[in-house]
Amino acid sequence: MLNVAVIGLGHIGQRHARYYDANANAQLAALCDLEDERTAPVAALYSNARVYHSVEAMLRNEKLDAASVCTSGVESGSHHFAPTMHCLEDGLHVLCEKPLSNDLDEARKMVDFAREKDLLLGVNLNHRFTPPAARLKKLQDDGELGEVLFINMGLWINNPNDASPFLHIRALHPHSIDVMRFFGGDIARVQCFMHKAPGRISWSNLSMNVQFTSGAVGHLSGSYDATMIHPIERCEIMGSKGRAIIENVYQKLEFMPRESNEKMVIEQGIIGGMSGFDDTFRNRIDAFVEQVEKGGPLDASGADGLAAQEVIEAAVRSFENGTVEEVSNQ
């Protein structure tokens, strides 16, 4: 059984705590946040978890195997570096919220340090942890999809946060880029355009063209100016043997073989196991616990998170310079 801690107890950290507590192979041993008003209500739910207000104190007093880093900061990532590095230095495996950091050099250091320490570093790229994604991946691995020709991806939510110009792409689109990479492999080149909604400070809409190292092409549309009521995500993949669509992250998979007039449609109620989007957190944390216990490798690893950030930073350069940019694939 893994002894785990959750660092950062905002609404995302609370989800991590809930699903570690529900996992039979994990013991939620510690909760950590700088602010007592965050720790107190969460601690009341988990009486066996001890409360700390600094990572250093927690690591001195607890015997832990792993930790989730759910702190936030600028562009939802600037507070990830220090606690992640402290945990890795102390020998813990880490599941970090996305992005690894809003600073690319920090993200690279986190991945390199985990590798140096021979520890597992994962990222909560939870949009790939769904039954439709798993079923489509199996179709792909079994050769039913054929060679990937193009991927069209869309991710649109309502987020009024306007704290920095590139908040939207850095905080949200590790998810969409990871899904594209999950099915298409590494991305080699990007061209990105952005647009501000009325009254916005940040670039809250984007359109990105990509070319994968395989030669396949793709497109991403993203927005912070949509609604949370309607579906938030769509992924369409054209392969040489068929076309597939995942609707709204987890709700439906459609597969249309190229040589057949029949279409396979699997609804979430049939494909099973999910009652809503929050269950993507459960699925991701369950996979992290299982894979750490097995000694790895991790799905949605730190290297995957870093690869998504390399694409994001290339997209920012493309937008600022009006260029097609090469992506660094370390």
C-alpha atoms as a PDB file:
ATOM      1  CA  MET A   1       0.000   0.000   0.000  1.00  0.00           C
ATOM      2  CA  LEU A   2       1.264   3.458  -0.914  1.00  0.00           C
ATOM      3  CA  ASN A   3       1.426   6.177   1.719  1.00  0.00           C
ATOM      4  CA  VAL A   4       0.536   9.338  -0.173  1.00  0.00           C
ATOM      5  CA  ALA A   5       0.234  13.060   0.467  1.00  0.00           C
ATOM      6  CA  VAL A   6      -1.636  15.811  -1.336  1.00  0.00           C
ATOM      7  CA  ILE A   7       0.089  19.202  -1.525  1.00  0.00           C
ATOM      8  CA  GLY A   8      -2.220  22.091  -2.359  1.00  0.00           C
ATOM      9  CA  LEU A   9      -5.841  21.788  -1.273  1.00  0.00           C
ATOM     10  CA  GLY A  10      -7.807  23.890  -3.719  1.00  0.00           C
ATOM     11  CA  HIS A  11     -10.642  22.245  -5.600  1.00  0.00           C
ATOM     12  CA  ILE A  12      -8.232  20.136  -7.695  1.00  0.00           C
ATOM     13  CA  GLY A  13      -6.269  18.984  -4.639  1.00  0.00           C
ATOM     14  CA  GLN A  14      -9.536  18.051  -2.966  1.00  0.00           C
ATOM     15  CA  ARG A  15     -10.331  15.773  -5.895  1.00  0.00           C
ATOM     16  CA  HIS A  16      -6.942  14.086  -5.566  1.00  0.00           C
ATOM     17  CA  ALA A  17      -7.524  13.549  -1.848  1.00  0.00           C
ATOM     18  CA  ARG A  18     -10.986  12.085  -2.480  1.00  0.00           C
ATOM     19  CA  TYR A  19      -9.762   9.518  -4.978  1.00  0.00           C
ATOM     20  CA  TYR A  20      -6.651   8.497  -3.045  1.00  0.00           C
ATOM     21  CA  ASP A  21      -8.906   7.921  -0.045  1.00  0.00           C
ATOM     22  CA  ALA A  22     -11.185   5.754  -2.187  1.00  0.00           C
ATOM     23  CA  ASN A  23      -8.317   3.672  -3.591  1.00  0.00           C
ATOM     24  CA  ALA A  24      -7.837   0.394  -1.713  1.00  0.00           C
ATOM     25  CA  ASN A  25      -4.094   0.402  -2.467  1.00  0.00           C
ATOM     26  CA  ALA A  26      -3.389   3.900  -1.158  1.00  0.00           C
ATOM     27  CA  GLN A  27      -3.349   5.458   2.300  1.00  0.00           C
ATOM     28  CA  LEU A  28      -3.951   9.195   2.394  1.00  0.00           C
ATOM     29  CA  ALA A  29      -1.380   9.974   5.084  1.00  0.00           C
ATOM     30  CA  ALA A  30      -0.820  13.735   4.858  1.00  0.00           C
ATOM     31  CA  LEU A  31      -2.391  16.957   3.633  1.00  0.00           C
ATOM     32  CA  CYS A  32      -0.357  20.084   3.034  1.00  0.00           C
ATOM     33  CA  ASP A  33      -1.305  23.666   2.263  1.00  0.00           C
ATOM     34  CA  LEU A  34       0.069  27.019   3.354  1.00  0.00           C
ATOM     35  CA  GLU A  35      -3.368  28.247   4.415  1.00  0.00           C
ATOM     36  CA  ASP A  36      -5.253  26.777   7.363  1.00  0.00           C
ATOM     37  CA  GLU A  37      -8.597  27.760   5.850  1.00  0.00           C
ATOM     38  CA  ARG A  38      -7.864  25.259   3.083  1.00  0.00           C
ATOM     39  CA  THR A  39      -6.493  22.423   5.216  1.00  0.00           C
ATOM     40  CA  ALA A  40      -9.105  22.491   7.985  1.00  0.00           C
ATOM     41  CA  PRO A  41     -12.230  21.559   5.971  1.00  0.00           C
ATOM     42  CA  VAL A  42     -10.363  18.893   3.981  1.00  0.00           C
ATOM     43  CA  ALA A  43      -8.746  17.406   7.092  1.00  0.00           C
ATOM     44  CA  ALA A  44     -12.190  17.079   8.653  1.00  0.00           C
ATOM     45  CA  LEU A  45     -13.070  14.611   5.906  1.00  0.00           C
ATOM     46  CA  TYR A  46      -9.974  12.410   6.352  1.00  0.00           C
ATOM     47  CA  SER A  47      -9.236  11.874  10.033  1.00  0.00           C
ATOM     48  CA  ASN A  48      -6.209   9.641   9.413  1.00  0.00           C
ATOM     49  CA  ALA A  49      -4.400  12.275   7.360  1.00  0.00           C
ATOM     50  CA  ARG A  50      -2.072  14.578   9.288  1.00  0.00           C
ATOM     51  CA  VAL A  51      -2.031  18.271   8.380  1.00  0.00           C
ATOM     52  CA  TYR A  52       1.027  20.350   7.503  1.00  0.00           C
ATOM     53  CA  HIS A  53       1.614  23.894   6.371  1.00  0.00           C
ATOM     54  CA  SER A  54       5.011  23.355   4.772  1.00  0.00           C
ATOM     55  CA  VAL A  55       6.351  20.620   2.513  1.00  0.00           C
ATOM     56  CA  GLU A  56       9.604  20.529   4.455  1.00  0.00           C
ATOM     57  CA  ALA A  57       7.827  19.793   7.761  1.00  0.00           C
ATOM     58  CA  MET A  58       5.709  17.123   6.117  1.00  0.00           C
ATOM     59  CA  LEU A  59       8.720  15.357   4.643  1.00  0.00           C
ATOM     60  CA  ARG A  60      10.584  15.487   7.977  1.00  0.00           C
ATOM     61  CA  ASN A  61       7.725  13.888   9.880  1.00  0.00           C
ATOM     62  CA  GLU A  62       6.120  11.451   7.448  1.00  0.00           C
ATOM     63  CA  LYS A  63       7.214   8.233   5.780  1.00  0.00           C
ATOM     64  CA  LEU A  64       5.705   8.680   2.348  1.00  0.00           C
ATOM     65  CA  ASP A  65       5.907   6.823  -0.938  1.00  0.00           C
ATOM     66  CA  ALA A  66       4.283   9.351  -3.254  1.00  0.00           C
ATOM     67  CA  ALA A  67       2.663  12.762  -3.412  1.00  0.00           C
ATOM     68  CA  SER A  68       0.322  14.738  -5.622  1.00  0.00           C
ATOM     69  CA  VAL A  69       1.418  18.330  -6.206  1.00  0.00           C
ATOM     70  CA  CYS A  70      -1.772  20.348  -6.746  1.00  0.00           C
ATOM     71  CA  THR A  71      -0.517  23.839  -6.033  1.00  0.00           C
ATOM     72  CA  SER A  72      -1.309  26.510  -8.593  1.00  0.00           C
ATOM     73  CA  GLY A  73       0.344  29.890  -9.181  1.00  0.00           C
ATOM     74  CA  VAL A  74       0.815  31.914 -12.343  1.00  0.00           C
ATOM     75  CA  GLU A  75      -0.783  30.165 -15.332  1.00  0.00           C
ATOM     76  CA  SER A  76      -1.725  27.311 -12.977  1.00  0.00           C
ATOM     77  CA  GLY A  77       1.881  26.125 -12.836  1.00  0.00           C
ATOM     78  CA  SER A  78       4.412  28.464 -11.224  1.00  0.00           C
ATOM     79  CA  HIS A  79       4.034  26.870  -7.766  1.00  0.00           C
ATOM     80  CA  HIS A  80       4.712  23.293  -8.937  1.00  0.00           C
ATOM     81  CA  PHE A  81       8.495  23.357  -9.194  1.00  0.00           C
ATOM     82  CA  ALA A  82       9.616  23.721  -5.572  1.00  0.00           C
ATOM     83  CA  PRO A  83       7.316  21.123  -3.934  1.00  0.00           C
ATOM     84  CA  THR A  84       7.939  18.629  -6.737  1.00  0.00           C
ATOM     85  CA  MET A  85      11.704  18.975  -6.412  1.00  0.00           C
ATOM     86  CA  HIS A  86      11.517  18.682  -2.602  1.00  0.00           C
ATOM     87  CA  CYS A  87       9.492  15.473  -2.898  1.00  0.00           C
ATOM     88  CA  LEU A  88      11.796  13.971  -5.509  1.00  0.00           C
ATOM     89  CA  GLU A  89      14.832  14.883  -3.391  1.00  0.00           C
ATOM     90  CA  ASP A  90      13.220  13.004  -0.499  1.00  0.00           C
ATOM     91  CA  GLY A  91      12.649   9.907  -2.648  1.00  0.00           C
ATOM     92  CA  LEU A  92       8.934  10.247  -3.394  1.00  0.00           C
ATOM     93  CA  HIS A  93       7.218   9.473  -6.668  1.00  0.00           C
ATOM     94  CA  VAL A  94       5.182  12.489  -7.778  1.00  0.00           C
ATOM     95  CA  LEU A  95       1.954  13.113  -9.650  1.00  0.00           C
ATOM     96  CA  CYS A  96       1.984  16.781 -10.638  1.00  0.00           C
ATOM     97  CA  GLU A  97      -0.936  18.812 -11.878  1.00  0.00           C
ATOM     98  CA  LYS A  98      -0.583  20.249 -15.359  1.00  0.00           C
ATOM     99  CA  PRO A  99       1.350  22.118 -16.509  1.00  0.00           C
ATOM    100  CA  LEU A 100       4.519  20.811 -14.870  1.00  0.00           C
ATOM    101  CA  SER A 101       5.500  24.476 -14.647  1.00  0.00           C
ATOM    102  CA  ASN A 102       4.675  27.568 -16.639  1.00  0.00           C
ATOM    103  CA  ASP A 103       8.440  27.947 -17.038  1.00  0.00           C
ATOM    104  CA  LEU A 104       9.862  25.536 -19.620  1.00  0.00           C
ATOM    105  CA  ASP A 105      13.337  25.414 -18.064  1.00  0.00           C
ATOM    106  CA  GLU A 106      11.812  24.429 -14.720  1.00  0.00           C
ATOM    107  CA  ALA A 107       9.756  21.699 -16.384  1.00  0.00           C
ATOM    108  CA  ARG A 108      12.868  20.301 -18.027  1.00  0.00           C
ATOM    109  CA  LYS A 109      14.695  20.290 -14.686  1.00  0.00           C
ATOM    110  CA  MET A 110      11.831  18.411 -13.017  1.00  0.00           C
ATOM    111  CA  VAL A 111      11.872  15.673 -15.648  1.00  0.00           C
ATOM    112  CA  ASP A 112      15.673  15.426 -15.595  1.00  0.00           C
ATOM    113  CA  PHE A 113      15.791  15.274 -11.790  1.00  0.00           C
ATOM    114  CA  ALA A 114      13.176  12.511 -11.595  1.00  0.00           C
ATOM    115  CA  ARG A 115      15.187  10.534 -14.141  1.00  0.00           C
ATOM    116  CA  GLU A 116      18.414  11.172 -12.202  1.00  0.00           C
ATOM    117  CA  LYS A 117      16.774   9.988  -8.954  1.00  0.00           C
ATOM    118  CA  ASP A 118      15.189   6.968 -10.705  1.00  0.00           C
ATOM    119  CA  LEU A 119      11.742   8.075  -9.532  1.00  0.00           C
ATOM    120  CA  LEU A 120       8.406   8.190 -11.303  1.00  0.00           C
ATOM    121  CA  LEU A 121       7.049  11.607 -12.244  1.00  0.00           C
ATOM    122  CA  GLY A 122       3.572  11.786 -13.724  1.00  0.00           C
ATOM    123  CA  VAL A 123       1.303  14.594 -14.860  1.00  0.00           C
ATOM    124  CA  ASN A 124      -2.447  14.784 -14.395  1.00  0.00           C
ATOM    125  CA  LEU A 125      -3.270  14.699 -18.087  1.00  0.00           C
ATOM    126  CA  ASN A 126      -6.556  13.087 -17.175  1.00  0.00           C
ATOM    127  CA  HIS A 127      -8.368  13.574 -20.495  1.00  0.00           C
ATOM    128  CA  ARG A 128      -6.733  10.435 -21.904  1.00  0.00           C
ATOM    129  CA  PHE A 129      -7.857   8.281 -18.940  1.00  0.00           C
ATOM    130  CA  THR A 130     -11.304   7.332 -20.248  1.00  0.00           C
ATOM    131  CA  PRO A 131     -12.877   4.151 -21.623  1.00  0.00           C
ATOM    132  CA  PRO A 132     -13.389   5.695 -25.113  1.00  0.00           C
ATOM    133  CA  ALA A 133      -9.722   6.700 -25.316  1.00  0.00           C
ATOM    134  CA  ALA A 134      -8.627   3.241 -24.150  1.00  0.00           C
ATOM    135  CA  ARG A 135     -10.929   1.520 -26.645  1.00  0.00           C
ATOM    136  CA  LEU A 136      -9.733   3.699 -29.512  1.00  0.00           C
ATOM    137  CA  LYS A 137      -6.112   3.108 -28.518  1.00  0.00           C
ATOM    138  CA  LYS A 138      -6.749  -0.635 -28.704  1.00  0.00           C
ATOM    139  CA  LEU A 139      -8.312  -0.245 -32.152  1.00  0.00           C
ATOM    140  CA  GLN A 140      -5.220   1.685 -33.176  1.00  0.00           C
ATOM    141  CA  ASP A 141      -2.809  -0.860 -31.688  1.00  0.00           C
ATOM    142  CA  ASP A 142      -4.739  -3.680 -33.385  1.00  0.00           C
ATOM    143  CA  GLY A 143      -4.303  -1.951 -36.752  1.00  0.00           C
ATOM    144  CA  GLU A 144      -7.987  -1.147 -37.242  1.00  0.00           C
ATOM    145  CA  LEU A 145      -7.372   2.606 -37.608  1.00  0.00           C
ATOM    146  CA  GLY A 146      -4.395   2.261 -39.908  1.00  0.00           C
ATOM    147  CA  GLU A 147      -1.810   5.005 -40.307  1.00  0.00           C
ATOM    148  CA  VAL A 148      -2.868   8.292 -38.725  1.00  0.00           C
ATOM    149  CA  LEU A 149      -3.425  10.910 -41.435  1.00  0.00           C
ATOM    150  CA  PHE A 150      -4.863  13.840 -39.474  1.00  0.00           C
ATOM    151  CA  ILE A 151      -6.179  14.732 -36.023  1.00  0.00           C
ATOM    152  CA  ASN A 152      -8.689  17.507 -35.354  1.00  0.00           C
ATOM    153  CA  MET A 153      -8.924  18.499 -31.699  1.00  0.00           C
ATOM    154  CA  GLY A 154     -11.147  20.997 -29.916  1.00  0.00           C
ATOM    155  CA  LEU A 155     -11.247  22.000 -26.253  1.00  0.00           C
ATOM    156  CA  TRP A 156     -13.534  24.857 -25.168  1.00  0.00           C
ATOM    157  CA  ILE A 157     -14.481  25.841 -21.612  1.00  0.00           C
ATOM    158  CA  ASN A 158     -15.690  28.902 -19.722  1.00  0.00           C
ATOM    159  CA  ASN A 159     -12.879  30.476 -17.729  1.00  0.00           C
ATOM    160  CA  PRO A 160     -13.066  34.227 -17.019  1.00  0.00           C
ATOM    161  CA  ASN A 161      -9.557  34.261 -15.510  1.00  0.00           C
ATOM    162  CA  ASP A 162      -7.557  36.951 -17.284  1.00  0.00           C
ATOM    163  CA  ALA A 163      -4.383  36.980 -15.215  1.00  0.00           C
ATOM    164  CA  SER A 164      -1.774  36.816 -17.981  1.00  0.00           C
ATOM    165  CA  PRO A 165      -1.604  36.975 -21.792  1.00  0.00           C
ATOM    166  CA  PHE A 166      -0.867  33.273 -22.361  1.00  0.00           C
ATOM    167  CA  LEU A 167      -2.843  31.771 -19.479  1.00  0.00           C
ATOM    168  CA  HIS A 168      -5.265  30.005 -21.821  1.00  0.00           C
ATOM    169  CA  ILE A 169      -2.729  28.038 -23.842  1.00  0.00           C
ATOM    170  CA  ARG A 170      -0.371  27.256 -20.950  1.00  0.00           C
ATOM    171  CA  ALA A 171      -2.977  26.281 -18.354  1.00  0.00           C
ATOM    172  CA  LEU A 172      -5.558  24.441 -20.480  1.00  0.00           C
ATOM    173  CA  HIS A 173      -3.954  22.998 -23.567  1.00  0.00           C
ATOM    174  CA  PRO A 174      -1.507  20.520 -22.076  1.00  0.00           C
ATOM    175  CA  HIS A 175      -4.673  18.380 -22.092  1.00  0.00           C
ATOM    176  CA  SER A 176      -5.561  18.749 -25.755  1.00  0.00           C
ATOM    177  CA  ILE A 177      -1.980  18.470 -26.968  1.00  0.00           C
ATOM    178  CA  ASP A 178      -1.479  15.345 -24.864  1.00  0.00           C
ATOM    179  CA  VAL A 179      -4.544  13.703 -26.423  1.00  0.00           C
ATOM    180  CA  MET A 180      -3.217  14.576 -29.888  1.00  0.00           C
ATOM    181  CA  ARG A 181       0.189  13.112 -29.018  1.00  0.00           C
ATOM    182  CA  PHE A 182      -1.422  10.029 -27.430  1.00  0.00           C
ATOM    183  CA  PHE A 183      -2.808   9.028 -30.817  1.00  0.00           C
ATOM    184  CA  GLY A 184      -0.480  10.824 -33.225  1.00  0.00           C
ATOM    185  CA  GLY A 185       2.952  10.706 -31.609  1.00  0.00           C
ATOM    186  CA  ASP A 186       5.450  13.557 -31.341  1.00  0.00           C
ATOM    187  CA  ILE A 187       4.650  16.927 -32.909  1.00  0.00           C
ATOM    188  CA  ALA A 188       7.418  18.418 -35.036  1.00  0.00           C
ATOM    189  CA  ARG A 189       6.126  21.832 -36.187  1.00  0.00           C
ATOM    190  CA  VAL A 190       3.395  24.288 -35.204  1.00  0.00           C
ATOM    191  CA  GLN A 191       1.729  27.412 -36.532  1.00  0.00           C
ATOM    192  CA  CYS A 192      -0.520  29.271 -34.107  1.00  0.00           C
ATOM    193  CA  PHE A 193      -2.988  32.156 -34.267  1.00  0.00           C
ATOM    194  CA  MET A 194      -4.692  33.735 -31.245  1.00  0.00           C
ATOM    195  CA  HIS A 195      -7.579  36.121 -30.636  1.00  0.00           C
ATOM    196  CA  LYS A 196      -8.926  38.006 -27.609  1.00  0.00           C
ATOM    197  CA  ALA A 197     -12.624  38.020 -26.808  1.00  0.00           C
ATOM    198  CA  PRO A 198     -14.123  41.480 -26.123  1.00  0.00           C
ATOM    199  CA  GLY A 199     -12.750  42.972 -22.915  1.00  0.00           C
ATOM    200  CA  ARG A 200     -10.082  40.324 -22.473  1.00  0.00           C
ATOM    201  CA  ILE A 201      -6.454  40.859 -21.455  1.00  0.00           C
ATOM    202  CA  SER A 202      -5.433  37.302 -22.299  1.00  0.00           C
ATOM    203  CA  TRP A 203      -5.430  35.568 -25.662  1.00  0.00           C
ATOM    204  CA  SER A 204      -8.522  33.503 -24.902  1.00  0.00           C
ATOM    205  CA  ASN A 205      -8.988  31.819 -28.303  1.00  0.00           C
ATOM    206  CA  LEU A 206      -6.530  29.955 -30.466  1.00  0.00           C
ATOM    207  CA  SER A 207      -6.216  28.075 -33.716  1.00  0.00           C
ATOM    208  CA  MET A 208      -3.143  25.879 -34.104  1.00  0.00           C
ATOM    209  CA  ASN A 209      -1.908  23.835 -37.051  1.00  0.00           C
ATOM    210  CA  VAL A 210       0.538  21.032 -36.335  1.00  0.00           C
ATOM    211  CA  GLN A 211       2.599  18.501 -38.224  1.00  0.00           C
ATOM    212  CA  PHE A 212       3.578  15.296 -36.481  1.00  0.00           C
ATOM    213  CA  THR A 213       7.005  13.727 -36.923  1.00  0.00           C
ATOM    214  CA  SER A 214       5.224  10.923 -38.796  1.00  0.00           C
ATOM    215  CA  GLY A 215       4.146  13.459 -41.424  1.00  0.00           C
ATOM    216  CA  ALA A 216       0.495  13.450 -40.308  1.00  0.00           C
ATOM    217  CA  VAL A 217      -1.174  16.823 -39.859  1.00  0.00           C
ATOM    218  CA  GLY A 218      -3.532  18.194 -37.241  1.00  0.00           C
ATOM    219  CA  HIS A 219      -5.467  21.125 -35.927  1.00  0.00           C
ATOM    220  CA  LEU A 220      -6.418  22.410 -32.481  1.00  0.00           C
ATOM    221  CA  SER A 221      -9.178  24.915 -31.732  1.00  0.00           C
ATOM    222  CA  GLY A 222      -9.349  26.213 -28.160  1.00  0.00           C
ATOM    223  CA  SER A 223     -11.260  28.776 -26.142  1.00  0.00           C
ATOM    224  CA  TYR A 224     -11.824  30.128 -22.657  1.00  0.00           C
ATOM    225  CA  ASP A 225     -15.016  31.828 -23.862  1.00  0.00           C
ATOM    226  CA  ALA A 226     -17.401  28.880 -24.146  1.00  0.00           C
ATOM    227  CA  THR A 227     -19.836  27.387 -21.645  1.00  0.00           C
ATOM    228  CA  MET A 228     -19.422  24.525 -19.205  1.00  0.00           C
ATOM    229  CA  ILE A 229     -22.983  23.314 -19.898  1.00  0.00           C
ATOM    230  CA  HIS A 230     -22.361  21.968 -23.391  1.00  0.00           C
ATOM    231  CA  PRO A 231     -19.705  19.410 -24.442  1.00  0.00           C
ATOM    232  CA  ILE A 232     -16.189  20.742 -23.878  1.00  0.00           C
ATOM    233  CA  GLU A 233     -14.041  18.518 -26.084  1.00  0.00           C
ATOM    234  CA  ARG A 234     -13.986  16.656 -29.384  1.00  0.00           C
ATOM    235  CA  CYS A 235     -11.228  14.570 -30.939  1.00  0.00           C
ATOM    236  CA  GLU A 236     -11.454  13.355 -34.559  1.00  0.00           C
ATOM    237  CA  ILE A 237      -8.816  11.056 -36.015  1.00  0.00           C
ATOM    238  CA  MET A 238      -8.594  10.039 -39.647  1.00  0.00           C
ATOM    239  CA  GLY A 239      -6.614   6.884 -40.288  1.00  0.00           C
ATOM    240  CA  SER A 240      -5.857   5.131 -43.543  1.00  0.00           C
ATOM    241  CA  LYS A 241      -8.339   2.386 -42.570  1.00  0.00           C
ATOM    242  CA  GLY A 242     -11.021   4.372 -40.757  1.00  0.00           C
ATOM    243  CA  ARG A 243     -12.135   7.498 -38.921  1.00  0.00           C
ATOM    244  CA  ALA A 244     -12.812   7.827 -35.189  1.00  0.00           C
ATOM    245  CA  ILE A 245     -14.446  10.482 -33.028  1.00  0.00           C
ATOM    246  CA  ILE A 246     -14.394  10.823 -29.246  1.00  0.00           C
ATOM    247  CA  GLU A 247     -17.169  13.127 -28.054  1.00  0.00           C
ATOM    248  CA  ASN A 248     -16.882  15.188 -24.873  1.00  0.00           C
ATOM    249  CA  VAL A 249     -13.853  13.442 -23.376  1.00  0.00           C
ATOM    250  CA  TYR A 250     -15.669  10.341 -22.138  1.00  0.00           C
ATOM    251  CA  GLN A 251     -19.232  10.227 -23.432  1.00  0.00           C
ATOM    252  CA  LYS A 252     -19.087   8.496 -26.818  1.00  0.00           C
ATOM    253  CA  LEU A 253     -16.780   6.788 -29.292  1.00  0.00           C
ATOM    254  CA  GLU A 254     -17.655   6.455 -32.970  1.00  0.00           C
ATOM    255  CA  PHE A 255     -15.561   4.406 -35.383  1.00  0.00           C
ATOM    256  CA  MET A 256     -16.222   4.355 -39.128  1.00  0.00           C
ATOM    257  CA  PRO A 257     -14.185   1.746 -41.059  1.00  0.00           C
ATOM    258  CA  ARG A 258     -13.125   2.978 -44.466  1.00  0.00           C
ATOM    259  CA  GLU A 259     -14.177  -0.215 -46.257  1.00  0.00           C
ATOM    260  CA  SER A 260     -17.575  -0.605 -44.595  1.00  0.00           C
ATOM    261  CA  ASN A 261     -20.915   1.198 -44.547  1.00  0.00           C
ATOM    262  CA  GLU A 262     -21.386   0.261 -40.892  1.00  0.00           C
ATOM    263  CA  LYS A 263     -20.449   2.502 -37.971  1.00  0.00           C
ATOM    264  CA  MET A 264     -19.519   1.392 -34.451  1.00  0.00           C
ATOM    265  CA  VAL A 265     -21.022   3.639 -31.774  1.00  0.00           C
ATOM    266  CA  ILE A 266     -20.278   3.074 -28.094  1.00  0.00           C
ATOM    267  CA  GLU A 267     -22.020   5.311 -25.568  1.00  0.00           C
ATOM    268  CA  GLN A 268     -20.539   5.963 -22.146  1.00  0.00           C
ATOM    269  CA  GLY A 269     -23.313   3.996 -20.435  1.00  0.00           C
ATOM    270  CA  ILE A 270     -22.308   0.931 -22.444  1.00  0.00           C
ATOM    271  CA  ILE A 271     -18.558   1.426 -22.480  1.00  0.00           C
ATOM    272  CA  GLY A 272     -18.883   1.737 -18.728  1.00  0.00           C
ATOM    273  CA  GLY A 273     -17.341   3.017 -15.576  1.00  0.00           C
ATOM    274  CA  MET A 274     -17.887   6.784 -15.625  1.00  0.00           C
ATOM    275  CA  SER A 275     -20.671   8.928 -14.238  1.00  0.00           C
ATOM    276  CA  GLY A 276     -19.134  12.313 -15.082  1.00  0.00           C
ATOM    277  CA  PHE A 277     -15.989  14.269 -15.849  1.00  0.00           C
ATOM    278  CA  ASP A 278     -14.689  14.069 -12.262  1.00  0.00           C
ATOM    279  CA  ASP A 279     -14.194  10.348 -12.792  1.00  0.00           C
ATOM    280  CA  THR A 280     -11.284  11.168 -15.106  1.00  0.00           C
ATOM    281  CA  PHE A 281      -9.433  12.179 -11.925  1.00  0.00           C
ATOM    282  CA  ARG A 282     -10.323   8.858 -10.314  1.00  0.00           C
ATOM    283  CA  ASN A 283      -9.126   6.919 -13.359  1.00  0.00           C
ATOM    284  CA  ARG A 284      -5.885   8.855 -13.557  1.00  0.00           C
ATOM    285  CA  ILE A 285      -5.088   8.488  -9.845  1.00  0.00           C
ATOM    286  CA  ASP A 286      -5.961   4.786  -9.874  1.00  0.00           C
ATOM    287  CA  ALA A 287      -3.559   4.299 -12.784  1.00  0.00           C
ATOM    288  CA  PHE A 288      -0.832   6.264 -10.983  1.00  0.00           C
ATOM    289  CA  VAL A 289      -1.170   4.145  -7.830  1.00  0.00           C
ATOM    290  CA  GLU A 290      -1.161   0.886  -9.799  1.00  0.00           C
ATOM    291  CA  GLN A 291       1.796   1.838 -11.958  1.00  0.00           C
ATOM    292  CA  VAL A 292       3.882   3.137  -9.036  1.00  0.00           C
ATOM    293  CA  GLU A 293       3.260  -0.130  -7.194  1.00  0.00           C
ATOM    294  CA  LYS A 294       4.492  -2.003 -10.278  1.00  0.00           C
ATOM    295  CA  GLY A 295       7.564   0.209 -10.560  1.00  0.00           C
ATOM    296  CA  GLY A 296       6.399   1.936 -13.738  1.00  0.00           C
ATOM    297  CA  PRO A 297       6.340   2.928 -16.465  1.00  0.00           C
ATOM    298  CA  LEU A 298       3.754   5.696 -16.075  1.00  0.00           C
ATOM    299  CA  ASP A 299       1.117   6.679 -18.563  1.00  0.00           C
ATOM    300  CA  ALA A 300       1.069  10.486 -18.961  1.00  0.00           C
ATOM    301  CA  SER A 301       4.593  10.733 -17.582  1.00  0.00           C
ATOM    302  CA  GLY A 302       6.589  13.835 -16.833  1.00  0.00           C
ATOM    303  CA  ALA A 303       8.192  13.386 -20.235  1.00  0.00           C
ATOM    304  CA  ASP A 304       4.730  13.490 -21.834  1.00  0.00           C
ATOM    305  CA  GLY A 305       3.874  16.629 -19.893  1.00  0.00           C
ATOM    306  CA  LEU A 306       7.145  18.240 -20.945  1.00  0.00           C
ATOM    307  CA  ALA A 307       6.545  17.298 -24.590  1.00  0.00           C
ATOM    308  CA  ALA A 308       3.168  19.056 -24.461  1.00  0.00           C
ATOM    309  CA  GLN A 309       4.816  22.147 -23.003  1.00  0.00           C
ATOM    310  CA  GLU A 310       7.452  22.168 -25.736  1.00  0.00           C
ATOM    311  CA  VAL A 311       4.588  22.334 -28.248  1.00  0.00           C
ATOM    312  CA  ILE A 312       2.915  25.136 -26.284  1.00  0.00           C
ATOM    313  CA  GLU A 313       6.044  27.265 -26.155  1.00  0.00           C
ATOM    314  CA  ALA A 314       6.650  26.712 -29.857  1.00  0.00           C
ATOM    315  CA  ALA A 315       3.055  27.848 -30.455  1.00  0.00           C
ATOM    316  CA  VAL A 316       3.644  31.009 -28.409  1.00  0.00           C
ATOM    317  CA  ARG A 317       6.761  31.748 -30.473  1.00  0.00           C
ATOM    318  CA  SER A 318       4.799  31.121 -33.665  1.00  0.00           C
ATOM    319  CA  PHE A 319       2.088  33.562 -32.642  1.00  0.00           C
ATOM    320  CA  GLU A 320       4.508  36.257 -31.509  1.00  0.00           C
ATOM    321  CA  ASN A 321       6.750  35.988 -34.583  1.00  0.00           C
ATOM    322  CA  GLY A 322       4.223  35.059 -37.276  1.00  0.00           C
ATOM    323  CA  THR A 323       6.253  31.959 -38.107  1.00  0.00           C
ATOM    324  CA  VAL A 324       6.046  28.191 -38.353  1.00  0.00           C
ATOM    325  CA  GLU A 325       8.108  26.933 -35.416  1.00  0.00           C
ATOM    326  CA  GLU A 326      10.048  23.731 -34.862  1.00  0.00           C
ATOM    327  CA  VAL A 327       9.248  21.859 -31.639  1.00  0.00           C
ATOM    328  CA  SER A 328      12.034  20.678 -29.380  1.00  0.00           C
ATOM    329  CA  ASN A 329      11.515  16.967 -28.671  1.00  0.00           C
ATOM    330  CA  GLN A 330      14.035  16.170 -25.956  1.00  0.00           C
END
